[in-house]
């Protein structure tokens, strides 16, 4: 576990996050010493992207009155944890949307950099910028789908209200099913199916706390 403070906000990065980032970056396909560099660049780009996303949540939450926040990067992504915070429905939506908003800004800056800066023979720089664009566009789109506990699901829950948690869970299940089929047809990745199963388990836990008609 790595712990540090950035902008006076405590940040912790679990070893499972590094494992996940390395796996997604192609660590299992390494055949020689030269293959380590792209993997490390992917891990750096992923870490930077998730931190930008979580700091978007953190800064918005603090601005909206939260007394404190901690950022944690773990095996399934990241989390901005607010202690003793009580957000109104509007503030909850704004705080949640601030994370994807920060990711979109980073994606736009990366695209502008790639468009206006001559990378020449800097293939590694081009690769890193490409990773930043993919992460902050593709991951943000998926993150904004109405799936719990992702940001899109949290925004939907805030819009519908806690009295409609059951409906939010049902929408989450349906969206997860559609996304799982599309991802399997596109990638045939067992890892993606594991992620879908994890998200489904989180939605199921919330669904079990609801009552009929809620």
N, C-alpha and C. Protein backbone atom coordinates (compact mmCIF):
# COMPACT_ATOMS: atom_id res chain seq x y z
N UNK A 1 0.84 -1.19 0.00
CA UNK A 1 0.00 0.00 0.00
C UNK A 1 0.89 1.25 0.00
N UNK A 2 0.66 2.13 -0.96
CA UNK A 2 1.38 3.40 -1.02
C UNK A 2 0.46 4.50 -0.51
N UNK A 3 0.96 5.31 0.42
CA UNK A 3 0.17 6.41 0.96
C UNK A 3 0.95 7.71 0.83
N UNK A 4 0.24 8.78 0.44
CA UNK A 4 0.85 10.09 0.34
C UNK A 4 -0.27 11.14 0.37
N UNK A 5 0.10 12.40 0.43
CA UNK A 5 -0.87 13.49 0.39
C UNK A 5 -0.60 14.33 -0.85
N UNK A 6 -1.67 14.69 -1.53
CA UNK A 6 -1.58 15.54 -2.71
C UNK A 6 -2.67 16.59 -2.62
N UNK A 7 -2.28 17.85 -2.73
CA UNK A 7 -3.21 18.97 -2.50
C UNK A 7 -3.86 18.84 -1.12
N UNK A 8 -3.08 18.33 -0.17
CA UNK A 8 -3.50 18.15 1.22
C UNK A 8 -4.63 17.14 1.37
N UNK A 9 -4.77 16.25 0.39
CA UNK A 9 -5.78 15.19 0.44
C UNK A 9 -5.06 13.85 0.55
N UNK A 10 -5.41 13.01 1.54
CA UNK A 10 -4.77 11.71 1.67
C UNK A 10 -5.10 10.80 0.48
N UNK A 11 -4.07 10.17 -0.05
CA UNK A 11 -4.24 9.25 -1.19
C UNK A 11 -3.59 7.93 -0.83
N UNK A 12 -4.28 6.83 -1.10
CA UNK A 12 -3.70 5.51 -0.91
C UNK A 12 -3.89 4.69 -2.18
N UNK A 13 -2.86 3.93 -2.55
CA UNK A 13 -2.92 3.09 -3.75
C UNK A 13 -2.61 1.66 -3.33
N UNK A 14 -3.59 0.77 -3.47
CA UNK A 14 -3.44 -0.62 -3.09
C UNK A 14 -2.65 -1.38 -4.16
N UNK A 15 -1.94 -2.42 -3.74
CA UNK A 15 -1.15 -3.19 -4.70
C UNK A 15 -2.02 -3.85 -5.76
N UNK A 16 -3.29 -4.11 -5.45
CA UNK A 16 -4.19 -4.69 -6.43
C UNK A 16 -4.44 -3.74 -7.60
N UNK A 17 -4.37 -2.45 -7.34
CA UNK A 17 -4.54 -1.48 -8.43
C UNK A 17 -3.40 -1.62 -9.42
N UNK A 18 -2.17 -1.74 -8.91
CA UNK A 18 -1.01 -1.90 -9.79
C UNK A 18 -1.14 -3.20 -10.57
N UNK A 19 -1.63 -4.25 -9.91
CA UNK A 19 -1.79 -5.54 -10.58
C UNK A 19 -2.79 -5.42 -11.73
N UNK A 20 -3.91 -4.76 -11.47
CA UNK A 20 -4.93 -4.57 -12.49
C UNK A 20 -4.39 -3.74 -13.65
N UNK A 21 -3.73 -2.63 -13.32
CA UNK A 21 -3.19 -1.75 -14.37
C UNK A 21 -2.16 -2.48 -15.22
N UNK A 22 -1.31 -3.27 -14.58
CA UNK A 22 -0.32 -4.03 -15.32
C UNK A 22 -0.97 -5.06 -16.23
N UNK A 23 -2.00 -5.74 -15.72
CA UNK A 23 -2.72 -6.73 -16.51
C UNK A 23 -3.35 -6.09 -17.73
N UNK A 24 -4.04 -4.95 -17.54
CA UNK A 24 -4.68 -4.27 -18.65
C UNK A 24 -3.65 -3.71 -19.63
N UNK A 25 -2.47 -3.39 -19.12
CA UNK A 25 -1.42 -2.85 -19.98
C UNK A 25 -0.65 -3.89 -20.77
N UNK A 26 -0.99 -5.17 -20.56
CA UNK A 26 -0.36 -6.23 -21.33
C UNK A 26 0.78 -6.95 -20.66
N UNK A 27 0.83 -6.94 -19.33
CA UNK A 27 1.93 -7.57 -18.60
C UNK A 27 2.05 -9.06 -18.91
N UNK A 28 0.92 -9.72 -19.19
CA UNK A 28 0.95 -11.16 -19.46
C UNK A 28 1.53 -11.47 -20.84
N UNK A 29 1.67 -10.44 -21.69
CA UNK A 29 2.21 -10.66 -23.03
C UNK A 29 3.68 -10.28 -23.15
N UNK A 30 4.32 -9.97 -22.03
CA UNK A 30 5.73 -9.57 -22.06
C UNK A 30 6.60 -10.75 -22.49
N UNK A 31 7.42 -10.51 -23.50
CA UNK A 31 8.34 -11.56 -23.99
C UNK A 31 9.80 -11.16 -23.85
N UNK A 32 10.06 -9.85 -23.76
CA UNK A 32 11.43 -9.39 -23.62
C UNK A 32 11.49 -8.12 -22.81
N UNK A 33 12.72 -7.67 -22.50
CA UNK A 33 12.91 -6.48 -21.66
C UNK A 33 12.25 -5.25 -22.26
N UNK A 34 12.25 -5.15 -23.60
CA UNK A 34 11.67 -3.98 -24.24
C UNK A 34 10.17 -3.88 -24.09
N UNK A 35 9.52 -5.01 -23.76
CA UNK A 35 8.06 -5.00 -23.61
C UNK A 35 7.62 -4.38 -22.29
N UNK A 36 8.55 -4.20 -21.36
CA UNK A 36 8.19 -3.63 -20.06
C UNK A 36 7.80 -2.15 -20.17
N UNK A 37 8.44 -1.43 -21.09
CA UNK A 37 8.23 0.02 -21.17
C UNK A 37 6.78 0.38 -21.48
N UNK A 38 6.16 -0.19 -22.54
CA UNK A 38 4.75 0.14 -22.79
C UNK A 38 3.83 -0.20 -21.62
N UNK A 39 4.11 -1.31 -20.93
CA UNK A 39 3.29 -1.70 -19.78
C UNK A 39 3.40 -0.66 -18.68
N UNK A 40 4.63 -0.23 -18.39
CA UNK A 40 4.84 0.78 -17.36
C UNK A 40 4.20 2.11 -17.74
N UNK A 41 4.27 2.47 -19.03
CA UNK A 41 3.63 3.71 -19.49
C UNK A 41 2.12 3.62 -19.36
N UNK A 42 1.56 2.46 -19.67
CA UNK A 42 0.12 2.27 -19.50
C UNK A 42 -0.27 2.41 -18.03
N UNK A 43 0.51 1.79 -17.15
CA UNK A 43 0.23 1.87 -15.72
C UNK A 43 0.29 3.32 -15.24
N UNK A 44 1.29 4.08 -15.73
CA UNK A 44 1.41 5.48 -15.32
C UNK A 44 0.23 6.29 -15.83
N UNK A 45 -0.17 6.06 -17.10
CA UNK A 45 -1.30 6.79 -17.68
C UNK A 45 -2.60 6.45 -16.96
N UNK A 46 -2.78 5.16 -16.63
CA UNK A 46 -3.99 4.74 -15.92
C UNK A 46 -4.05 5.35 -14.52
N UNK A 47 -2.92 5.33 -13.82
CA UNK A 47 -2.87 5.90 -12.47
C UNK A 47 -3.18 7.39 -12.51
N UNK A 48 -2.55 8.10 -13.44
CA UNK A 48 -2.78 9.54 -13.57
C UNK A 48 -4.24 9.82 -13.89
N UNK A 49 -4.82 9.04 -14.81
CA UNK A 49 -6.21 9.26 -15.23
C UNK A 49 -7.18 9.03 -14.08
N UNK A 50 -7.00 7.95 -13.34
CA UNK A 50 -7.90 7.67 -12.22
C UNK A 50 -7.75 8.72 -11.13
N UNK A 51 -6.52 9.16 -10.88
CA UNK A 51 -6.32 10.21 -9.88
C UNK A 51 -7.01 11.50 -10.29
N UNK A 52 -6.90 11.88 -11.56
CA UNK A 52 -7.59 13.09 -12.04
C UNK A 52 -9.09 12.94 -11.84
N UNK A 53 -9.61 11.77 -12.17
CA UNK A 53 -11.04 11.51 -12.01
C UNK A 53 -11.47 11.64 -10.55
N UNK A 54 -10.72 11.00 -9.65
CA UNK A 54 -11.10 11.01 -8.23
C UNK A 54 -10.90 12.39 -7.61
N UNK A 55 -9.88 13.12 -8.06
CA UNK A 55 -9.72 14.49 -7.55
C UNK A 55 -10.84 15.39 -8.04
N UNK A 56 -11.42 15.07 -9.21
CA UNK A 56 -12.61 15.80 -9.65
C UNK A 56 -13.73 15.65 -8.64
N UNK A 57 -13.98 14.40 -8.21
CA UNK A 57 -14.97 14.16 -7.15
C UNK A 57 -14.58 14.90 -5.86
N UNK A 58 -13.30 14.76 -5.48
CA UNK A 58 -12.84 15.27 -4.19
C UNK A 58 -12.97 16.79 -4.11
N UNK A 59 -12.48 17.50 -5.12
CA UNK A 59 -12.54 18.96 -5.09
C UNK A 59 -13.98 19.45 -5.09
N UNK A 60 -14.84 18.79 -5.88
CA UNK A 60 -16.25 19.19 -5.92
C UNK A 60 -16.91 18.96 -4.57
N UNK A 61 -16.64 17.78 -3.96
CA UNK A 61 -17.23 17.47 -2.67
C UNK A 61 -16.81 18.45 -1.59
N UNK A 62 -15.53 18.79 -1.56
CA UNK A 62 -15.04 19.77 -0.57
C UNK A 62 -15.67 21.13 -0.81
N UNK A 63 -15.80 21.50 -2.07
CA UNK A 63 -16.42 22.79 -2.41
C UNK A 63 -17.88 22.83 -1.97
N UNK A 64 -18.53 21.66 -2.00
CA UNK A 64 -19.95 21.59 -1.64
C UNK A 64 -20.18 21.36 -0.15
N UNK A 65 -19.11 21.41 0.63
CA UNK A 65 -19.27 21.39 2.08
C UNK A 65 -18.80 20.16 2.81
N UNK A 66 -18.26 19.17 2.13
CA UNK A 66 -17.76 17.99 2.84
C UNK A 66 -16.57 18.38 3.70
N UNK A 67 -16.52 17.91 4.96
CA UNK A 67 -15.43 18.31 5.85
C UNK A 67 -14.08 17.69 5.49
N UNK A 68 -14.09 16.51 4.88
CA UNK A 68 -12.82 15.85 4.55
C UNK A 68 -13.08 14.79 3.48
N UNK A 69 -11.99 14.36 2.85
CA UNK A 69 -12.10 13.34 1.81
C UNK A 69 -10.81 12.54 1.76
N UNK A 70 -10.94 11.28 1.42
CA UNK A 70 -9.79 10.42 1.17
C UNK A 70 -9.94 9.79 -0.20
N UNK A 71 -8.84 9.67 -0.93
CA UNK A 71 -8.87 9.03 -2.24
C UNK A 71 -8.17 7.70 -2.15
N UNK A 72 -8.83 6.66 -2.66
CA UNK A 72 -8.25 5.31 -2.64
C UNK A 72 -8.32 4.70 -4.03
N UNK A 73 -7.19 4.19 -4.51
CA UNK A 73 -7.16 3.43 -5.74
C UNK A 73 -7.04 1.96 -5.35
N UNK A 74 -7.98 1.15 -5.82
CA UNK A 74 -8.03 -0.25 -5.39
C UNK A 74 -8.13 -1.17 -6.60
N UNK A 75 -8.40 -2.44 -6.34
CA UNK A 75 -8.38 -3.44 -7.40
C UNK A 75 -9.42 -3.26 -8.48
N UNK A 76 -10.48 -2.48 -8.24
CA UNK A 76 -11.52 -2.28 -9.25
C UNK A 76 -11.63 -0.82 -9.67
N UNK A 77 -10.62 -0.02 -9.38
CA UNK A 77 -10.67 1.38 -9.83
C UNK A 77 -10.30 2.34 -8.72
N UNK A 78 -11.16 3.34 -8.50
CA UNK A 78 -10.85 4.35 -7.50
C UNK A 78 -12.09 4.78 -6.73
N UNK A 79 -11.85 5.48 -5.62
CA UNK A 79 -12.95 5.93 -4.77
C UNK A 79 -12.53 7.20 -4.04
N UNK A 80 -13.41 8.19 -4.06
CA UNK A 80 -13.25 9.37 -3.22
C UNK A 80 -14.23 9.22 -2.06
N UNK A 81 -13.69 9.00 -0.88
CA UNK A 81 -14.52 8.71 0.29
C UNK A 81 -14.65 9.96 1.16
N UNK A 82 -15.89 10.43 1.32
CA UNK A 82 -16.16 11.61 2.13
C UNK A 82 -16.66 11.17 3.50
N UNK A 83 -15.97 11.63 4.53
CA UNK A 83 -16.37 11.29 5.89
C UNK A 83 -17.33 12.34 6.44
N UNK A 84 -18.40 11.87 7.04
CA UNK A 84 -19.39 12.74 7.70
C UNK A 84 -19.96 13.78 6.73
N UNK A 85 -20.06 13.42 5.45
CA UNK A 85 -20.61 14.36 4.46
C UNK A 85 -22.08 14.06 4.23
N UNK A 86 -22.87 15.10 4.08
CA UNK A 86 -24.29 14.95 3.79
C UNK A 86 -24.62 15.89 2.64
N UNK A 87 -24.76 15.30 1.44
CA UNK A 87 -25.03 16.11 0.25
C UNK A 87 -26.53 16.11 -0.05
N UNK A 88 -27.01 17.25 -0.53
CA UNK A 88 -28.37 17.30 -1.06
C UNK A 88 -28.39 16.52 -2.37
N UNK A 89 -29.58 16.29 -2.90
CA UNK A 89 -29.68 15.55 -4.15
C UNK A 89 -28.92 16.27 -5.27
N UNK A 90 -29.10 17.58 -5.36
CA UNK A 90 -28.42 18.36 -6.39
C UNK A 90 -26.91 18.31 -6.21
N UNK A 91 -26.45 18.48 -4.97
CA UNK A 91 -25.00 18.47 -4.70
C UNK A 91 -24.41 17.09 -4.97
N UNK A 92 -25.17 16.04 -4.67
CA UNK A 92 -24.69 14.69 -4.92
C UNK A 92 -24.48 14.47 -6.42
N UNK A 93 -25.40 14.96 -7.23
CA UNK A 93 -25.27 14.84 -8.68
C UNK A 93 -24.05 15.62 -9.16
N UNK A 94 -23.88 16.84 -8.66
CA UNK A 94 -22.75 17.66 -9.07
C UNK A 94 -21.42 17.03 -8.67
N UNK A 95 -21.35 16.52 -7.45
CA UNK A 95 -20.12 15.89 -6.98
C UNK A 95 -19.79 14.66 -7.80
N UNK A 96 -20.82 13.84 -8.07
CA UNK A 96 -20.60 12.62 -8.84
C UNK A 96 -20.20 12.93 -10.28
N UNK A 97 -20.85 13.92 -10.87
CA UNK A 97 -20.55 14.27 -12.26
C UNK A 97 -19.19 14.91 -12.42
N UNK A 98 -18.64 15.46 -11.33
CA UNK A 98 -17.35 16.15 -11.42
C UNK A 98 -16.21 15.19 -11.77
N UNK A 99 -16.33 13.92 -11.37
CA UNK A 99 -15.29 12.95 -11.71
C UNK A 99 -15.21 12.71 -13.21
N UNK A 100 -16.33 12.27 -13.85
CA UNK A 100 -16.32 12.14 -15.31
C UNK A 100 -15.99 13.45 -16.02
N UNK A 101 -16.42 14.57 -15.43
CA UNK A 101 -16.10 15.87 -16.03
C UNK A 101 -14.60 16.10 -16.11
N UNK A 102 -13.90 15.76 -15.01
CA UNK A 102 -12.45 15.90 -15.00
C UNK A 102 -11.80 14.97 -16.02
N UNK A 103 -12.35 13.76 -16.17
CA UNK A 103 -11.82 12.82 -17.16
C UNK A 103 -12.01 13.33 -18.57
N UNK A 104 -13.16 13.94 -18.84
CA UNK A 104 -13.43 14.49 -20.17
C UNK A 104 -12.46 15.63 -20.48
N UNK A 105 -12.21 16.48 -19.49
CA UNK A 105 -11.24 17.57 -19.69
C UNK A 105 -9.86 17.01 -20.03
N UNK A 106 -9.44 15.96 -19.30
CA UNK A 106 -8.15 15.34 -19.58
C UNK A 106 -8.12 14.73 -20.98
N UNK A 107 -9.24 14.12 -21.40
CA UNK A 107 -9.32 13.55 -22.74
C UNK A 107 -9.17 14.64 -23.81
N UNK A 108 -9.87 15.74 -23.61
CA UNK A 108 -9.80 16.86 -24.57
C UNK A 108 -8.39 17.42 -24.64
N UNK A 109 -7.75 17.60 -23.49
CA UNK A 109 -6.37 18.13 -23.48
C UNK A 109 -5.43 17.16 -24.19
N UNK A 110 -5.64 15.86 -23.99
CA UNK A 110 -4.80 14.85 -24.64
C UNK A 110 -4.99 14.88 -26.15
N UNK A 111 -6.25 15.02 -26.59
CA UNK A 111 -6.53 15.09 -28.02
C UNK A 111 -5.92 16.34 -28.63
N UNK A 112 -6.03 17.46 -27.94
CA UNK A 112 -5.43 18.71 -28.43
C UNK A 112 -3.92 18.59 -28.52
N UNK A 113 -3.32 17.97 -27.51
CA UNK A 113 -1.87 17.76 -27.52
C UNK A 113 -1.46 16.92 -28.73
N UNK A 114 -2.21 15.84 -28.98
CA UNK A 114 -1.89 14.97 -30.11
C UNK A 114 -2.11 15.67 -31.44
N UNK A 115 -3.04 16.63 -31.47
CA UNK A 115 -3.37 17.32 -32.71
C UNK A 115 -2.38 18.42 -33.06
N UNK A 116 -1.85 19.11 -32.05
CA UNK A 116 -1.06 20.31 -32.30
C UNK A 116 0.44 20.14 -32.03
N UNK A 117 0.82 19.04 -31.39
CA UNK A 117 2.23 18.82 -31.09
C UNK A 117 2.78 17.75 -32.02
N UNK A 118 3.85 18.07 -32.71
CA UNK A 118 4.48 17.11 -33.62
C UNK A 118 5.28 16.10 -32.79
N UNK A 119 4.76 14.89 -32.72
CA UNK A 119 5.42 13.87 -31.91
C UNK A 119 6.61 13.26 -32.61
N UNK A 120 6.69 13.45 -33.94
CA UNK A 120 7.85 12.96 -34.67
C UNK A 120 8.05 11.47 -34.50
N UNK A 121 9.25 11.14 -34.07
CA UNK A 121 9.59 9.73 -33.87
C UNK A 121 9.31 9.25 -32.44
N UNK A 122 8.65 10.08 -31.65
CA UNK A 122 8.40 9.74 -30.24
C UNK A 122 7.24 8.77 -30.13
N UNK A 123 7.50 7.52 -30.52
CA UNK A 123 6.43 6.53 -30.52
C UNK A 123 5.91 6.25 -29.11
N UNK A 124 6.80 6.30 -28.11
CA UNK A 124 6.36 6.04 -26.74
C UNK A 124 5.47 7.17 -26.22
N UNK A 125 5.80 8.41 -26.60
CA UNK A 125 4.96 9.54 -26.21
C UNK A 125 3.61 9.41 -26.89
N UNK A 126 3.62 9.06 -28.18
CA UNK A 126 2.36 8.89 -28.91
C UNK A 126 1.53 7.77 -28.29
N UNK A 127 2.19 6.70 -27.89
CA UNK A 127 1.49 5.58 -27.25
C UNK A 127 0.84 6.04 -25.94
N UNK A 128 1.58 6.80 -25.13
CA UNK A 128 1.06 7.27 -23.84
C UNK A 128 -0.13 8.19 -24.03
N UNK A 129 -0.03 9.12 -25.00
CA UNK A 129 -1.15 10.02 -25.27
C UNK A 129 -2.36 9.24 -25.75
N UNK A 130 -2.11 8.22 -26.60
CA UNK A 130 -3.20 7.37 -27.06
C UNK A 130 -3.89 6.65 -25.93
N UNK A 131 -3.11 6.15 -24.97
CA UNK A 131 -3.68 5.48 -23.81
C UNK A 131 -4.52 6.46 -22.99
N UNK A 132 -4.02 7.66 -22.79
CA UNK A 132 -4.78 8.68 -22.05
C UNK A 132 -6.12 8.96 -22.72
N UNK A 133 -6.10 9.06 -24.04
CA UNK A 133 -7.33 9.35 -24.77
C UNK A 133 -8.32 8.19 -24.62
N UNK A 134 -7.83 6.96 -24.83
CA UNK A 134 -8.72 5.79 -24.75
C UNK A 134 -9.32 5.65 -23.35
N UNK A 135 -8.47 5.76 -22.33
CA UNK A 135 -8.95 5.61 -20.96
C UNK A 135 -10.00 6.65 -20.63
N UNK A 136 -9.71 7.90 -20.97
CA UNK A 136 -10.59 8.99 -20.54
C UNK A 136 -11.78 9.21 -21.45
N UNK A 137 -11.85 8.51 -22.57
CA UNK A 137 -13.03 8.55 -23.41
C UNK A 137 -13.85 7.27 -23.20
N UNK A 138 -13.25 6.11 -23.46
CA UNK A 138 -13.98 4.84 -23.38
C UNK A 138 -14.41 4.54 -21.95
N UNK A 139 -13.46 4.63 -21.01
CA UNK A 139 -13.81 4.34 -19.62
C UNK A 139 -14.86 5.31 -19.08
N UNK A 140 -14.79 6.58 -19.50
CA UNK A 140 -15.75 7.56 -19.02
C UNK A 140 -17.15 7.26 -19.56
N UNK A 141 -17.23 6.87 -20.84
CA UNK A 141 -18.53 6.51 -21.41
C UNK A 141 -19.15 5.35 -20.64
N UNK A 142 -18.35 4.31 -20.39
CA UNK A 142 -18.86 3.15 -19.64
C UNK A 142 -19.23 3.54 -18.21
N UNK A 143 -18.40 4.39 -17.60
CA UNK A 143 -18.64 4.81 -16.22
C UNK A 143 -19.93 5.61 -16.07
N UNK A 144 -20.37 6.26 -17.15
CA UNK A 144 -21.58 7.07 -17.09
C UNK A 144 -22.85 6.28 -17.41
N UNK A 145 -22.70 4.99 -17.73
CA UNK A 145 -23.89 4.17 -17.93
C UNK A 145 -24.61 4.00 -16.59
N UNK A 146 -25.94 3.84 -16.62
CA UNK A 146 -26.70 3.73 -15.35
C UNK A 146 -26.51 2.39 -14.67
N UNK A 147 -25.28 2.14 -14.22
CA UNK A 147 -24.93 0.89 -13.57
C UNK A 147 -24.37 1.19 -12.19
N UNK A 148 -24.90 0.56 -11.17
CA UNK A 148 -24.38 0.72 -9.81
C UNK A 148 -23.18 -0.20 -9.61
N UNK A 149 -22.16 0.21 -8.88
CA UNK A 149 -22.05 1.49 -8.15
C UNK A 149 -21.28 2.56 -8.92
N UNK A 150 -21.24 2.47 -10.27
CA UNK A 150 -20.49 3.44 -11.05
C UNK A 150 -21.17 4.81 -11.01
N UNK A 151 -20.48 5.81 -11.54
CA UNK A 151 -20.99 7.18 -11.43
C UNK A 151 -22.35 7.35 -12.09
N UNK A 152 -22.54 6.72 -13.26
CA UNK A 152 -23.83 6.83 -13.92
C UNK A 152 -24.96 6.27 -13.07
N UNK A 153 -24.71 5.16 -12.40
CA UNK A 153 -25.71 4.59 -11.51
C UNK A 153 -25.98 5.48 -10.31
N UNK A 154 -24.92 6.09 -9.76
CA UNK A 154 -25.08 7.00 -8.62
C UNK A 154 -25.88 8.25 -9.02
N UNK A 155 -25.62 8.74 -10.23
CA UNK A 155 -26.36 9.91 -10.71
C UNK A 155 -27.84 9.55 -10.90
N UNK A 156 -28.10 8.37 -11.47
CA UNK A 156 -29.49 7.93 -11.65
C UNK A 156 -30.18 7.79 -10.31
N UNK A 157 -29.50 7.21 -9.32
CA UNK A 157 -30.08 7.05 -7.99
C UNK A 157 -30.42 8.39 -7.38
N UNK A 158 -29.51 9.36 -7.55
CA UNK A 158 -29.77 10.70 -7.01
C UNK A 158 -30.95 11.36 -7.72
N UNK A 159 -31.07 11.13 -9.03
CA UNK A 159 -32.18 11.72 -9.79
C UNK A 159 -33.52 11.10 -9.38
N UNK A 160 -33.53 9.78 -9.22
CA UNK A 160 -34.79 9.09 -8.87
C UNK A 160 -35.10 9.20 -7.38
N UNK A 161 -34.06 9.33 -6.57
CA UNK A 161 -34.24 9.42 -5.13
C UNK A 161 -34.13 8.06 -4.46
N UNK A 162 -33.76 8.03 -3.17
CA UNK A 162 -33.58 6.76 -2.45
C UNK A 162 -34.85 5.92 -2.38
N UNK A 163 -36.00 6.53 -2.53
CA UNK A 163 -37.26 5.77 -2.49
C UNK A 163 -37.43 4.89 -3.72
N UNK A 164 -36.63 5.14 -4.75
CA UNK A 164 -36.70 4.33 -5.97
C UNK A 164 -35.41 3.54 -6.18
N UNK A 165 -34.78 3.14 -5.08
CA UNK A 165 -33.55 2.35 -5.17
C UNK A 165 -33.80 1.04 -5.92
N UNK A 166 -34.93 0.41 -5.68
CA UNK A 166 -35.24 -0.87 -6.33
C UNK A 166 -35.28 -0.69 -7.85
N UNK A 167 -35.92 0.39 -8.31
CA UNK A 167 -36.00 0.67 -9.75
C UNK A 167 -34.60 0.93 -10.31
N UNK A 168 -33.79 1.67 -9.56
CA UNK A 168 -32.43 1.94 -10.00
C UNK A 168 -31.64 0.64 -10.16
N UNK A 169 -31.82 -0.29 -9.23
CA UNK A 169 -31.13 -1.58 -9.31
C UNK A 169 -31.60 -2.37 -10.53
N UNK A 170 -32.89 -2.35 -10.82
CA UNK A 170 -33.42 -3.08 -11.98
C UNK A 170 -32.83 -2.50 -13.26
N UNK A 171 -32.79 -1.17 -13.36
CA UNK A 171 -32.19 -0.53 -14.54
C UNK A 171 -30.72 -0.90 -14.64
N UNK A 172 -30.04 -0.96 -13.50
CA UNK A 172 -28.63 -1.35 -13.47
C UNK A 172 -28.45 -2.76 -13.99
N UNK A 173 -29.31 -3.70 -13.54
CA UNK A 173 -29.23 -5.09 -14.01
C UNK A 173 -29.41 -5.18 -15.52
N UNK A 174 -30.40 -4.49 -16.03
CA UNK A 174 -30.70 -4.54 -17.47
C UNK A 174 -29.53 -3.98 -18.28
N UNK A 175 -29.01 -2.83 -17.84
CA UNK A 175 -27.89 -2.21 -18.55
C UNK A 175 -26.65 -3.10 -18.50
N UNK A 176 -26.43 -3.72 -17.34
CA UNK A 176 -25.29 -4.64 -17.20
C UNK A 176 -25.41 -5.81 -18.17
N UNK A 177 -26.61 -6.36 -18.30
CA UNK A 177 -26.81 -7.48 -19.21
C UNK A 177 -26.50 -7.11 -20.65
N UNK A 178 -26.99 -5.95 -21.07
CA UNK A 178 -26.74 -5.49 -22.44
C UNK A 178 -25.25 -5.23 -22.65
N UNK A 179 -24.62 -4.56 -21.67
CA UNK A 179 -23.19 -4.25 -21.78
C UNK A 179 -22.36 -5.53 -21.81
N UNK A 180 -22.71 -6.51 -20.98
CA UNK A 180 -21.96 -7.77 -20.94
C UNK A 180 -21.99 -8.47 -22.30
N UNK A 181 -23.17 -8.50 -22.92
CA UNK A 181 -23.29 -9.14 -24.24
C UNK A 181 -22.45 -8.41 -25.27
N UNK A 182 -22.52 -7.07 -25.28
CA UNK A 182 -21.77 -6.28 -26.25
C UNK A 182 -20.26 -6.45 -26.04
N UNK A 183 -19.82 -6.43 -24.79
CA UNK A 183 -18.40 -6.59 -24.51
C UNK A 183 -17.90 -7.97 -24.92
N UNK A 184 -18.73 -8.99 -24.69
CA UNK A 184 -18.31 -10.34 -25.06
C UNK A 184 -18.21 -10.48 -26.58
N UNK A 185 -19.18 -9.92 -27.30
CA UNK A 185 -19.14 -9.98 -28.77
C UNK A 185 -17.96 -9.20 -29.32
N UNK A 186 -17.58 -8.12 -28.62
CA UNK A 186 -16.50 -7.25 -29.10
C UNK A 186 -15.13 -7.79 -28.69
N UNK A 187 -14.99 -8.24 -27.46
CA UNK A 187 -13.66 -8.58 -26.95
C UNK A 187 -13.47 -10.05 -26.62
N UNK A 188 -14.56 -10.78 -26.33
CA UNK A 188 -14.49 -12.18 -25.85
C UNK A 188 -13.51 -12.30 -24.67
N UNK A 189 -13.53 -11.27 -23.81
CA UNK A 189 -12.60 -11.21 -22.67
C UNK A 189 -13.26 -11.76 -21.41
N UNK A 190 -12.63 -12.77 -20.82
CA UNK A 190 -13.11 -13.31 -19.55
C UNK A 190 -13.00 -12.25 -18.46
N UNK A 191 -11.94 -11.44 -18.52
CA UNK A 191 -11.75 -10.40 -17.51
C UNK A 191 -12.94 -9.44 -17.49
N UNK A 192 -13.41 -9.03 -18.69
CA UNK A 192 -14.56 -8.13 -18.74
C UNK A 192 -15.80 -8.77 -18.11
N UNK A 193 -15.93 -10.07 -18.30
CA UNK A 193 -17.08 -10.76 -17.70
C UNK A 193 -16.95 -10.81 -16.18
N UNK A 194 -15.72 -10.93 -15.69
CA UNK A 194 -15.50 -10.91 -14.24
C UNK A 194 -15.90 -9.54 -13.68
N UNK A 195 -15.54 -8.48 -14.40
CA UNK A 195 -15.92 -7.13 -13.97
C UNK A 195 -17.43 -6.98 -13.96
N UNK A 196 -18.09 -7.48 -15.01
CA UNK A 196 -19.55 -7.42 -15.07
C UNK A 196 -20.18 -8.18 -13.90
N UNK A 197 -19.60 -9.34 -13.57
CA UNK A 197 -20.12 -10.13 -12.45
C UNK A 197 -19.93 -9.38 -11.14
N UNK A 198 -18.80 -8.70 -10.99
CA UNK A 198 -18.55 -7.92 -9.77
C UNK A 198 -19.59 -6.80 -9.64
N UNK A 199 -19.83 -6.08 -10.73
CA UNK A 199 -20.81 -5.00 -10.69
C UNK A 199 -22.21 -5.54 -10.41
N UNK A 200 -22.51 -6.69 -10.98
CA UNK A 200 -23.82 -7.30 -10.73
C UNK A 200 -23.97 -7.68 -9.25
N UNK A 201 -22.88 -8.17 -8.65
CA UNK A 201 -22.94 -8.54 -7.23
C UNK A 201 -23.15 -7.31 -6.36
N UNK A 202 -22.54 -6.19 -6.73
CA UNK A 202 -22.73 -4.95 -5.96
C UNK A 202 -24.17 -4.45 -6.09
N UNK A 203 -24.72 -4.54 -7.30
CA UNK A 203 -26.11 -4.15 -7.51
C UNK A 203 -27.05 -5.06 -6.73
N UNK A 204 -26.76 -6.36 -6.72
CA UNK A 204 -27.59 -7.33 -6.01
C UNK A 204 -27.61 -7.05 -4.51
N UNK A 205 -26.44 -6.68 -3.96
CA UNK A 205 -26.38 -6.36 -2.54
C UNK A 205 -27.30 -5.19 -2.21
N UNK A 206 -27.31 -4.19 -3.06
CA UNK A 206 -28.19 -3.04 -2.84
C UNK A 206 -29.66 -3.45 -3.04
N UNK A 207 -29.90 -4.28 -4.04
CA UNK A 207 -31.28 -4.71 -4.31
C UNK A 207 -31.87 -5.47 -3.12
N UNK A 208 -31.03 -6.24 -2.44
CA UNK A 208 -31.50 -7.01 -1.30
C UNK A 208 -31.89 -6.14 -0.11
N UNK A 209 -31.43 -4.89 -0.10
CA UNK A 209 -31.77 -3.99 1.00
C UNK A 209 -33.10 -3.28 0.75
N UNK A 210 -33.67 -3.43 -0.45
CA UNK A 210 -34.90 -2.74 -0.79
C UNK A 210 -36.13 -3.55 -0.40
N UNK A 211 -37.27 -2.89 -0.42
CA UNK A 211 -38.56 -3.52 -0.17
C UNK A 211 -39.42 -3.40 -1.42
N UNK A 212 -40.34 -4.35 -1.65
CA UNK A 212 -41.24 -4.24 -2.82
C UNK A 212 -41.95 -2.89 -2.81
N UNK A 213 -41.95 -2.27 -3.99
CA UNK A 213 -42.59 -0.96 -4.11
C UNK A 213 -41.64 0.20 -3.87
N UNK A 214 -40.41 -0.13 -3.42
CA UNK A 214 -39.46 0.95 -3.12
C UNK A 214 -38.79 1.41 -4.41
